[in-house]
Amino acid sequence: MFYVLSKLGFLFLRPSNALLLALLFGVGLRVFGWRRRGAELIGIALGILVICSWTGVPTILLRPLEQRFSVPDDPDRLNPAGILVLGGVVDSSLSTELHSAELIDGAERLVVAAELARRYPNARILLSGGSNGVFANNDVAESAVARDLLIEFGVPAARISIEDHSRNTHENAVFSFSAAEPAPQEQWLLVTSAFHMPRAIGTFRAAGWNGVVAWPVDYRNGATTDWFGGRTAAEGLTMTDMAVREWIGLVAYRFAGYTDALLPRP
């Protein structure tokens, strides 16, 4: 239920959707005689739309999340028991329909997982992620598609396990813990997008993973990225949506007790 409510709720809280709805509401006010109020609402919505599209707002929102954790300074000194790779790499509905692996923006997680598998040949690989549809369906699980791709990349099938029921970060952590049964202080690398890493680390710690080590990927900004970025309006809105969703997720997860801190730190 938490998953469905969060997905449906964010349809309205997503800045791109909320601003378009505000514009439509403003037009409606003008049509029904509230011309001044309608014009004010349209002006405010257009102003915020421009700010989110073409200014440094997306960078301001994302940079604190992406820079919170970094790849370990001396990765060759690590000896991980396993590598955790979170879902967010596969469009499960489209993959089911087309009978092929249809990847989305977070696909770098899978590429890095293959690299880490070669770097740490004794580490187990656990792929976490079920169907990403809003309602229960018969779509293939993300982790099953990801497993097949890793095998095609040359990772031995015997090293790969999947957790194919989780649909959000909290379930990733809880279900993966049950699947892996890590020993106390056993070191596991956690691979997910950099902007998502603070919430993921906090959630996994709260679920009992004491030795989880962040391995962020899929950066959208660098430490020196131009605040105004030269991005298109669509890119700016997409990044704003992404950042707002993650900040809301941090607050909601902390309120629900799913994380160990509002903004987890290394």
C-alpha atoms as a PDB file:
ATOM      1  CA  MET A   1       0.000   0.000   0.000  1.00  0.00           C
ATOM      2  CA  PHE A   2       2.866   2.387   0.836  1.00  0.00           C
ATOM      3  CA  TYR A   3       4.282   1.812  -2.662  1.00  0.00           C
ATOM      4  CA  VAL A   4       0.988   2.483  -4.451  1.00  0.00           C
ATOM      5  CA  LEU A   5       0.228   5.593  -2.371  1.00  0.00           C
ATOM      6  CA  SER A   6       3.718   6.967  -2.930  1.00  0.00           C
ATOM      7  CA  LYS A   7       3.496   6.442  -6.695  1.00  0.00           C
ATOM      8  CA  LEU A   8       0.027   7.949  -7.015  1.00  0.00           C
ATOM      9  CA  GLY A   9       0.784  10.789  -4.600  1.00  0.00           C
ATOM     10  CA  PHE A  10       3.876  11.843  -6.483  1.00  0.00           C
ATOM     11  CA  LEU A  11       1.882  12.141  -9.704  1.00  0.00           C
ATOM     12  CA  PHE A  12       0.506  15.347  -8.170  1.00  0.00           C
ATOM     13  CA  LEU A  13       3.588  16.389  -6.193  1.00  0.00           C
ATOM     14  CA  ARG A  14       5.935  15.983  -9.167  1.00  0.00           C
ATOM     15  CA  PRO A  15       6.870  19.581 -10.071  1.00  0.00           C
ATOM     16  CA  SER A  16       6.366  19.153 -13.819  1.00  0.00           C
ATOM     17  CA  ASN A  17       2.852  17.773 -13.289  1.00  0.00           C
ATOM     18  CA  ALA A  18       1.960  20.196 -10.493  1.00  0.00           C
ATOM     19  CA  LEU A  19       2.998  23.227 -12.551  1.00  0.00           C
ATOM     20  CA  LEU A  20       1.024  22.095 -15.601  1.00  0.00           C
ATOM     21  CA  LEU A  21      -2.018  21.491 -13.399  1.00  0.00           C
ATOM     22  CA  ALA A  22      -1.579  24.974 -11.924  1.00  0.00           C
ATOM     23  CA  LEU A  23      -1.496  26.448 -15.436  1.00  0.00           C
ATOM     24  CA  LEU A  24      -4.669  24.604 -16.386  1.00  0.00           C
ATOM     25  CA  PHE A  25      -6.353  25.700 -13.162  1.00  0.00           C
ATOM     26  CA  GLY A  26      -5.347  29.288 -13.888  1.00  0.00           C
ATOM     27  CA  VAL A  27      -6.877  29.071 -17.339  1.00  0.00           C
ATOM     28  CA  GLY A  28     -10.033  27.622 -15.785  1.00  0.00           C
ATOM     29  CA  LEU A  29     -10.245  30.518 -13.324  1.00  0.00           C
ATOM     30  CA  ARG A  30     -10.052  33.015 -16.184  1.00  0.00           C
ATOM     31  CA  VAL A  31     -12.695  31.161 -18.202  1.00  0.00           C
ATOM     32  CA  PHE A  32     -15.116  31.222 -15.249  1.00  0.00           C
ATOM     33  CA  GLY A  33     -14.661  34.901 -14.504  1.00  0.00           C
ATOM     34  CA  TRP A  34     -11.811  34.920 -11.997  1.00  0.00           C
ATOM     35  CA  ARG A  35      -9.579  36.661 -14.513  1.00  0.00           C
ATOM     36  CA  ARG A  36      -7.187  38.385 -12.108  1.00  0.00           C
ATOM     37  CA  ARG A  37      -6.701  35.330  -9.901  1.00  0.00           C
ATOM     38  CA  GLY A  38      -6.284  33.147 -12.953  1.00  0.00           C
ATOM     39  CA  ALA A  39      -3.663  35.471 -14.434  1.00  0.00           C
ATOM     40  CA  GLU A  40      -1.748  35.541 -11.130  1.00  0.00           C
ATOM     41  CA  LEU A  41      -1.722  31.759 -10.903  1.00  0.00           C
ATOM     42  CA  ILE A  42      -0.608  31.401 -14.530  1.00  0.00           C
ATOM     43  CA  GLY A  43       2.187  33.922 -13.967  1.00  0.00           C
ATOM     44  CA  ILE A  44       3.437  32.188 -10.826  1.00  0.00           C
ATOM     45  CA  ALA A  45       3.323  28.741 -12.456  1.00  0.00           C
ATOM     46  CA  LEU A  46       5.135  29.959 -15.580  1.00  0.00           C
ATOM     47  CA  GLY A  47       7.780  31.668 -13.470  1.00  0.00           C
ATOM     48  CA  ILE A  48       8.490  28.544 -11.434  1.00  0.00           C
ATOM     49  CA  LEU A  49       8.454  26.448 -14.620  1.00  0.00           C
ATOM     50  CA  VAL A  50      11.150  28.651 -16.151  1.00  0.00           C
ATOM     51  CA  ILE A  51      13.222  28.561 -12.942  1.00  0.00           C
ATOM     52  CA  CYS A  52      13.081  24.760 -12.749  1.00  0.00           C
ATOM     53  CA  SER A  53      13.827  24.385 -16.466  1.00  0.00           C
ATOM     54  CA  TRP A  54      16.661  26.795 -17.183  1.00  0.00           C
ATOM     55  CA  THR A  55      18.313  27.878 -13.933  1.00  0.00           C
ATOM     56  CA  GLY A  56      20.582  26.207 -11.410  1.00  0.00           C
ATOM     57  CA  VAL A  57      17.710  24.958  -9.233  1.00  0.00           C
ATOM     58  CA  PRO A  58      18.051  21.293 -10.312  1.00  0.00           C
ATOM     59  CA  THR A  59      21.775  21.406  -9.513  1.00  0.00           C
ATOM     60  CA  ILE A  60      21.136  23.059  -6.146  1.00  0.00           C
ATOM     61  CA  LEU A  61      18.648  20.329  -5.254  1.00  0.00           C
ATOM     62  CA  LEU A  62      20.657  17.348  -6.523  1.00  0.00           C
ATOM     63  CA  ARG A  63      24.226  18.248  -5.590  1.00  0.00           C
ATOM     64  CA  PRO A  64      23.878  17.734  -1.792  1.00  0.00           C
ATOM     65  CA  LEU A  65      22.452  14.270  -2.450  1.00  0.00           C
ATOM     66  CA  GLU A  66      25.010  13.240  -5.062  1.00  0.00           C
ATOM     67  CA  GLN A  67      28.014  14.531  -3.110  1.00  0.00           C
ATOM     68  CA  ARG A  68      26.965  12.960   0.206  1.00  0.00           C
ATOM     69  CA  PHE A  69      28.699   9.655  -0.490  1.00  0.00           C
ATOM     70  CA  SER A  70      31.595   8.788  -2.779  1.00  0.00           C
ATOM     71  CA  VAL A  71      33.315   5.684  -4.096  1.00  0.00           C
ATOM     72  CA  PRO A  72      35.867   4.337  -1.557  1.00  0.00           C
ATOM     73  CA  ASP A  73      39.257   6.052  -1.840  1.00  0.00           C
ATOM     74  CA  ASP A  74      41.217   2.791  -2.036  1.00  0.00           C
ATOM     75  CA  PRO A  75      38.907   0.181  -3.592  1.00  0.00           C
ATOM     76  CA  ASP A  76      41.732  -2.350  -3.994  1.00  0.00           C
ATOM     77  CA  ARG A  77      41.909  -2.710  -0.212  1.00  0.00           C
ATOM     78  CA  LEU A  78      38.288  -3.814  -0.003  1.00  0.00           C
ATOM     79  CA  ASN A  79      37.314  -7.459   0.298  1.00  0.00           C
ATOM     80  CA  PRO A  80      33.529  -7.454  -0.070  1.00  0.00           C
ATOM     81  CA  ALA A  81      31.497 -10.552   0.574  1.00  0.00           C
ATOM     82  CA  GLY A  82      28.923  -9.339  -1.900  1.00  0.00           C
ATOM     83  CA  ILE A  83      27.688  -6.649  -4.262  1.00  0.00           C
ATOM     84  CA  LEU A  84      24.141  -5.324  -3.886  1.00  0.00           C
ATOM     85  CA  VAL A  85      22.603  -3.785  -6.999  1.00  0.00           C
ATOM     86  CA  LEU A  86      19.291  -1.981  -6.604  1.00  0.00           C
ATOM     87  CA  GLY A  87      16.502  -1.924  -9.167  1.00  0.00           C
ATOM     88  CA  GLY A  88      15.839   1.092 -11.318  1.00  0.00           C
ATOM     89  CA  VAL A  89      17.590  -0.185 -14.426  1.00  0.00           C
ATOM     90  CA  VAL A  90      14.792  -1.937 -16.313  1.00  0.00           C
ATOM     91  CA  ASP A  91      11.345  -0.982 -17.607  1.00  0.00           C
ATOM     92  CA  SER A  92       9.654  -4.214 -16.554  1.00  0.00           C
ATOM     93  CA  SER A  93       6.369  -3.554 -18.384  1.00  0.00           C
ATOM     94  CA  LEU A  94       8.056  -2.798 -21.690  1.00  0.00           C
ATOM     95  CA  SER A  95      10.512  -5.658 -21.257  1.00  0.00           C
ATOM     96  CA  THR A  96       7.594  -8.047 -20.731  1.00  0.00           C
ATOM     97  CA  GLU A  97       5.697  -6.732 -23.734  1.00  0.00           C
ATOM     98  CA  LEU A  98       8.667  -6.754 -26.128  1.00  0.00           C
ATOM     99  CA  HIS A  99      10.405  -9.848 -24.703  1.00  0.00           C
ATOM    100  CA  SER A 100      13.675  -7.942 -24.497  1.00  0.00           C
ATOM    101  CA  ALA A 101      15.745  -6.065 -21.934  1.00  0.00           C
ATOM    102  CA  GLU A 102      14.501  -2.466 -22.068  1.00  0.00           C
ATOM    103  CA  LEU A 103      16.805  -0.343 -19.923  1.00  0.00           C
ATOM    104  CA  ILE A 104      16.131   3.074 -18.374  1.00  0.00           C
ATOM    105  CA  ASP A 105      18.282   5.911 -17.010  1.00  0.00           C
ATOM    106  CA  GLY A 106      19.739   3.983 -14.092  1.00  0.00           C
ATOM    107  CA  ALA A 107      21.277   1.299 -16.319  1.00  0.00           C
ATOM    108  CA  GLU A 108      24.791   2.391 -15.324  1.00  0.00           C
ATOM    109  CA  ARG A 109      24.194   0.468 -12.099  1.00  0.00           C
ATOM    110  CA  LEU A 110      24.315  -2.768 -14.073  1.00  0.00           C
ATOM    111  CA  VAL A 111      27.413  -1.830 -16.061  1.00  0.00           C
ATOM    112  CA  VAL A 112      29.265  -0.968 -12.850  1.00  0.00           C
ATOM    113  CA  ALA A 113      28.025  -4.209 -11.259  1.00  0.00           C
ATOM    114  CA  ALA A 114      29.722  -6.160 -14.067  1.00  0.00           C
ATOM    115  CA  GLU A 115      32.944  -4.162 -13.522  1.00  0.00           C
ATOM    116  CA  LEU A 116      32.833  -4.823  -9.774  1.00  0.00           C
ATOM    117  CA  ALA A 117      32.215  -8.518 -10.382  1.00  0.00           C
ATOM    118  CA  ARG A 118      35.512  -8.670 -12.281  1.00  0.00           C
ATOM    119  CA  ARG A 119      37.354  -6.549  -9.702  1.00  0.00           C
ATOM    120  CA  TYR A 120      36.143  -8.716  -6.798  1.00  0.00           C
ATOM    121  CA  PRO A 121      35.939 -12.278  -8.180  1.00  0.00           C
ATOM    122  CA  ASN A 122      34.990 -13.831  -4.824  1.00  0.00           C
ATOM    123  CA  ALA A 123      32.049 -11.513  -4.142  1.00  0.00           C
ATOM    124  CA  ARG A 124      28.471 -12.678  -4.485  1.00  0.00           C
ATOM    125  CA  ILE A 125      26.122 -10.514  -6.538  1.00  0.00           C
ATOM    126  CA  LEU A 126      22.599  -9.862  -5.303  1.00  0.00           C
ATOM    127  CA  LEU A 127      20.204  -8.067  -7.652  1.00  0.00           C
ATOM    128  CA  SER A 128      17.204  -6.540  -5.891  1.00  0.00           C
ATOM    129  CA  GLY A 129      14.030  -5.460  -7.664  1.00  0.00           C
ATOM    130  CA  GLY A 130      10.614  -6.778  -8.614  1.00  0.00           C
ATOM    131  CA  SER A 131       8.140  -5.401 -11.128  1.00  0.00           C
ATOM    132  CA  ASN A 132       8.033  -1.602 -11.233  1.00  0.00           C
ATOM    133  CA  GLY A 133       4.388  -1.348 -12.252  1.00  0.00           C
ATOM    134  CA  VAL A 134       2.124   0.615  -9.904  1.00  0.00           C
ATOM    135  CA  PHE A 135      -0.353  -2.212  -9.389  1.00  0.00           C
ATOM    136  CA  ALA A 136       0.195  -5.954  -9.099  1.00  0.00           C
ATOM    137  CA  ASN A 137       0.737  -7.485 -12.531  1.00  0.00           C
ATOM    138  CA  ASN A 138       2.496 -10.275 -14.369  1.00  0.00           C
ATOM    139  CA  ASP A 139       5.437  -8.195 -15.577  1.00  0.00           C
ATOM    140  CA  VAL A 140       8.871  -9.760 -15.396  1.00  0.00           C
ATOM    141  CA  ALA A 141      10.909  -8.714 -12.360  1.00  0.00           C
ATOM    142  CA  GLU A 142      13.684  -6.196 -12.906  1.00  0.00           C
ATOM    143  CA  SER A 143      16.199  -8.426 -11.164  1.00  0.00           C
ATOM    144  CA  ALA A 144      15.474 -11.343 -13.510  1.00  0.00           C
ATOM    145  CA  VAL A 145      16.169  -9.198 -16.577  1.00  0.00           C
ATOM    146  CA  ALA A 146      19.279  -7.755 -14.927  1.00  0.00           C
ATOM    147  CA  ARG A 147      20.562 -11.265 -14.113  1.00  0.00           C
ATOM    148  CA  ASP A 148      20.286 -12.315 -17.755  1.00  0.00           C
ATOM    149  CA  LEU A 149      22.180  -9.214 -18.848  1.00  0.00           C
ATOM    150  CA  LEU A 150      24.980  -9.764 -16.330  1.00  0.00           C
ATOM    151  CA  ILE A 151      25.354 -13.333 -17.580  1.00  0.00           C
ATOM    152  CA  GLU A 152      25.629 -11.969 -21.134  1.00  0.00           C
ATOM    153  CA  PHE A 153      28.309  -9.570 -19.840  1.00  0.00           C
ATOM    154  CA  GLY A 154      30.296 -12.608 -18.739  1.00  0.00           C
ATOM    155  CA  VAL A 155      29.449 -12.834 -15.032  1.00  0.00           C
ATOM    156  CA  PRO A 156      29.061 -16.522 -14.000  1.00  0.00           C
ATOM    157  CA  ALA A 157      25.437 -17.381 -13.270  1.00  0.00           C
ATOM    158  CA  ALA A 158      26.461 -19.233 -10.096  1.00  0.00           C
ATOM    159  CA  ARG A 159      27.600 -15.974  -8.512  1.00  0.00           C
ATOM    160  CA  ILE A 160      24.294 -14.162  -9.081  1.00  0.00           C
ATOM    161  CA  SER A 161      21.255 -14.263  -6.808  1.00  0.00           C
ATOM    162  CA  ILE A 162      18.080 -12.269  -7.225  1.00  0.00           C
ATOM    163  CA  GLU A 163      15.489 -10.795  -4.902  1.00  0.00           C
ATOM    164  CA  ASP A 164      12.461 -10.315  -7.138  1.00  0.00           C
ATOM    165  CA  HIS A 165       9.653  -9.055  -4.897  1.00  0.00           C
ATOM    166  CA  SER A 166      10.718  -5.579  -3.735  1.00  0.00           C
ATOM    167  CA  ARG A 167       9.221  -2.483  -5.337  1.00  0.00           C
ATOM    168  CA  ASN A 168      10.774   0.316  -3.297  1.00  0.00           C
ATOM    169  CA  THR A 169      13.963   1.044  -1.360  1.00  0.00           C
ATOM    170  CA  HIS A 170      12.579  -0.130   1.985  1.00  0.00           C
ATOM    171  CA  GLU A 171      11.598  -3.478   0.490  1.00  0.00           C
ATOM    172  CA  ASN A 172      14.980  -3.675  -1.296  1.00  0.00           C
ATOM    173  CA  ALA A 173      16.691  -3.496   2.084  1.00  0.00           C
ATOM    174  CA  VAL A 174      14.399  -5.803   4.062  1.00  0.00           C
ATOM    175  CA  PHE A 175      13.960  -8.487   1.403  1.00  0.00           C
ATOM    176  CA  SER A 176      17.642  -8.434   0.405  1.00  0.00           C
ATOM    177  CA  PHE A 177      18.681  -8.867   4.038  1.00  0.00           C
ATOM    178  CA  SER A 178      16.500 -11.965   4.284  1.00  0.00           C
ATOM    179  CA  ALA A 179      17.852 -13.305   0.996  1.00  0.00           C
ATOM    180  CA  ALA A 180      21.545 -12.707   1.727  1.00  0.00           C
ATOM    181  CA  GLU A 181      21.595 -13.323   5.494  1.00  0.00           C
ATOM    182  CA  PRO A 182      24.846 -11.348   5.870  1.00  0.00           C
ATOM    183  CA  ALA A 183      27.092 -12.075   8.819  1.00  0.00           C
ATOM    184  CA  PRO A 184      27.598  -9.218  11.320  1.00  0.00           C
ATOM    185  CA  GLN A 185      29.985  -6.594   9.907  1.00  0.00           C
ATOM    186  CA  GLU A 186      30.242  -8.515   6.623  1.00  0.00           C
ATOM    187  CA  GLN A 187      31.146  -6.015   3.921  1.00  0.00           C
ATOM    188  CA  TRP A 188      28.735  -5.526   1.018  1.00  0.00           C
ATOM    189  CA  LEU A 189      29.032  -2.907  -1.718  1.00  0.00           C
ATOM    190  CA  LEU A 190      25.781  -1.052  -2.419  1.00  0.00           C
ATOM    191  CA  VAL A 191      25.389   0.095  -6.028  1.00  0.00           C
ATOM    192  CA  THR A 192      22.724   2.672  -6.843  1.00  0.00           C
ATOM    193  CA  SER A 193      22.423   6.143  -8.362  1.00  0.00           C
ATOM    194  CA  ALA A 194      24.356   8.842  -6.502  1.00  0.00           C
ATOM    195  CA  PHE A 195      21.269  10.981  -5.823  1.00  0.00           C
ATOM    196  CA  HIS A 196      19.533   7.952  -4.317  1.00  0.00           C
ATOM    197  CA  MET A 197      22.469   6.789  -2.193  1.00  0.00           C
ATOM    198  CA  PRO A 198      21.687   8.728   1.049  1.00  0.00           C
ATOM    199  CA  ARG A 199      18.195   7.235   1.313  1.00  0.00           C
ATOM    200  CA  ALA A 200      19.434   3.794   0.266  1.00  0.00           C
ATOM    201  CA  ILE A 201      22.270   3.736   2.823  1.00  0.00           C
ATOM    202  CA  GLY A 202      19.974   4.925   5.616  1.00  0.00           C
ATOM    203  CA  THR A 203      17.365   2.325   4.728  1.00  0.00           C
ATOM    204  CA  PHE A 204      19.824  -0.567   4.526  1.00  0.00           C
ATOM    205  CA  ARG A 205      21.389   0.418   7.841  1.00  0.00           C
ATOM    206  CA  ALA A 206      17.963   0.538   9.465  1.00  0.00           C
ATOM    207  CA  ALA A 207      17.227  -2.936   8.070  1.00  0.00           C
ATOM    208  CA  GLY A 208      20.294  -4.373   9.789  1.00  0.00           C
ATOM    209  CA  TRP A 209      23.055  -4.136   7.169  1.00  0.00           C
ATOM    210  CA  ASN A 210      25.988  -3.069   9.368  1.00  0.00           C
ATOM    211  CA  GLY A 211      28.781  -3.425   6.797  1.00  0.00           C
ATOM    212  CA  VAL A 212      27.223  -1.819   3.728  1.00  0.00           C
ATOM    213  CA  VAL A 213      29.623   0.369   1.697  1.00  0.00           C
ATOM    214  CA  ALA A 214      28.356   2.991  -0.755  1.00  0.00           C
ATOM    215  CA  TRP A 215      29.366   2.713  -4.408  1.00  0.00           C
ATOM    216  CA  PRO A 216      27.445   5.563  -6.104  1.00  0.00           C
ATOM    217  CA  VAL A 217      27.007   5.693  -9.889  1.00  0.00           C
ATOM    218  CA  ASP A 218      24.809   7.458 -12.448  1.00  0.00           C
ATOM    219  CA  TYR A 219      25.767  11.035 -11.530  1.00  0.00           C
ATOM    220  CA  ARG A 220      23.731  13.891 -13.019  1.00  0.00           C
ATOM    221  CA  ASN A 221      26.068  16.674 -11.815  1.00  0.00           C
ATOM    222  CA  GLY A 222      29.742  16.921 -10.992  1.00  0.00           C
ATOM    223  CA  ALA A 223      31.242  18.837  -8.084  1.00  0.00           C
ATOM    224  CA  THR A 224      32.141  21.637 -10.511  1.00  0.00           C
ATOM    225  CA  THR A 225      29.102  21.499 -12.813  1.00  0.00           C
ATOM    226  CA  ASP A 226      28.011  24.944 -14.012  1.00  0.00           C
ATOM    227  CA  TRP A 227      25.022  26.036 -11.943  1.00  0.00           C
ATOM    228  CA  PHE A 228      23.127  26.903 -15.101  1.00  0.00           C
ATOM    229  CA  GLY A 229      24.324  23.788 -16.865  1.00  0.00           C
ATOM    230  CA  GLY A 230      23.354  24.608 -20.461  1.00  0.00           C
ATOM    231  CA  ARG A 231      20.646  21.969 -20.236  1.00  0.00           C
ATOM    232  CA  THR A 232      17.377  21.829 -22.146  1.00  0.00           C
ATOM    233  CA  ALA A 233      14.062  22.644 -20.467  1.00  0.00           C
ATOM    234  CA  ALA A 234      13.117  18.954 -20.520  1.00  0.00           C
ATOM    235  CA  GLU A 235      16.393  17.985 -18.830  1.00  0.00           C
ATOM    236  CA  GLY A 236      15.963  20.678 -16.184  1.00  0.00           C
ATOM    237  CA  LEU A 237      12.425  19.569 -15.376  1.00  0.00           C
ATOM    238  CA  THR A 238      13.444  15.913 -15.283  1.00  0.00           C
ATOM    239  CA  MET A 239      16.249  16.663 -12.829  1.00  0.00           C
ATOM    240  CA  THR A 240      13.942  18.823 -10.704  1.00  0.00           C
ATOM    241  CA  ASP A 241      11.373  16.023 -10.563  1.00  0.00           C
ATOM    242  CA  MET A 242      14.107  13.559  -9.609  1.00  0.00           C
ATOM    243  CA  ALA A 243      15.504  15.745  -6.846  1.00  0.00           C
ATOM    244  CA  VAL A 244      12.124  16.690  -5.351  1.00  0.00           C
ATOM    245  CA  ARG A 245      11.074  13.041  -5.353  1.00  0.00           C
ATOM    246  CA  GLU A 246      14.239  12.056  -3.495  1.00  0.00           C
ATOM    247  CA  TRP A 247      13.939  14.812  -0.859  1.00  0.00           C
ATOM    248  CA  ILE A 248      10.292  13.890  -0.277  1.00  0.00           C
ATOM    249  CA  GLY A 249      11.371  10.250  -0.029  1.00  0.00           C
ATOM    250  CA  LEU A 250      13.963  11.082   2.628  1.00  0.00           C
ATOM    251  CA  VAL A 251      11.385  12.898   4.747  1.00  0.00           C
ATOM    252  CA  ALA A 252       8.713  10.222   4.271  1.00  0.00           C
ATOM    253  CA  TYR A 253      11.116   7.365   5.039  1.00  0.00           C
ATOM    254  CA  ARG A 254      12.372   9.095   8.176  1.00  0.00           C
ATOM    255  CA  PHE A 255       8.800   9.741   9.319  1.00  0.00           C
ATOM    256  CA  ALA A 256       7.914   6.063   8.672  1.00  0.00           C
ATOM    257  CA  GLY A 257      11.015   4.869  10.538  1.00  0.00           C
ATOM    258  CA  TYR A 258      12.551   3.289   7.438  1.00  0.00           C
ATOM    259  CA  THR A 259      15.880   5.158   7.709  1.00  0.00           C
ATOM    260  CA  ASP A 260      18.304   5.808  10.551  1.00  0.00           C
ATOM    261  CA  ALA A 261      18.614   9.556   9.825  1.00  0.00           C
ATOM    262  CA  LEU A 262      16.904  12.284   7.817  1.00  0.00           C
ATOM    263  CA  LEU A 263      20.012  12.734   5.674  1.00  0.00           C
ATOM    264  CA  PRO A 264      22.353   9.797   6.360  1.00  0.00           C
ATOM    265  CA  ARG A 265      26.074  10.473   6.337  1.00  0.00           C
ATOM    266  CA  PRO A 266      29.115   8.253   5.604  1.00  0.00           C
END
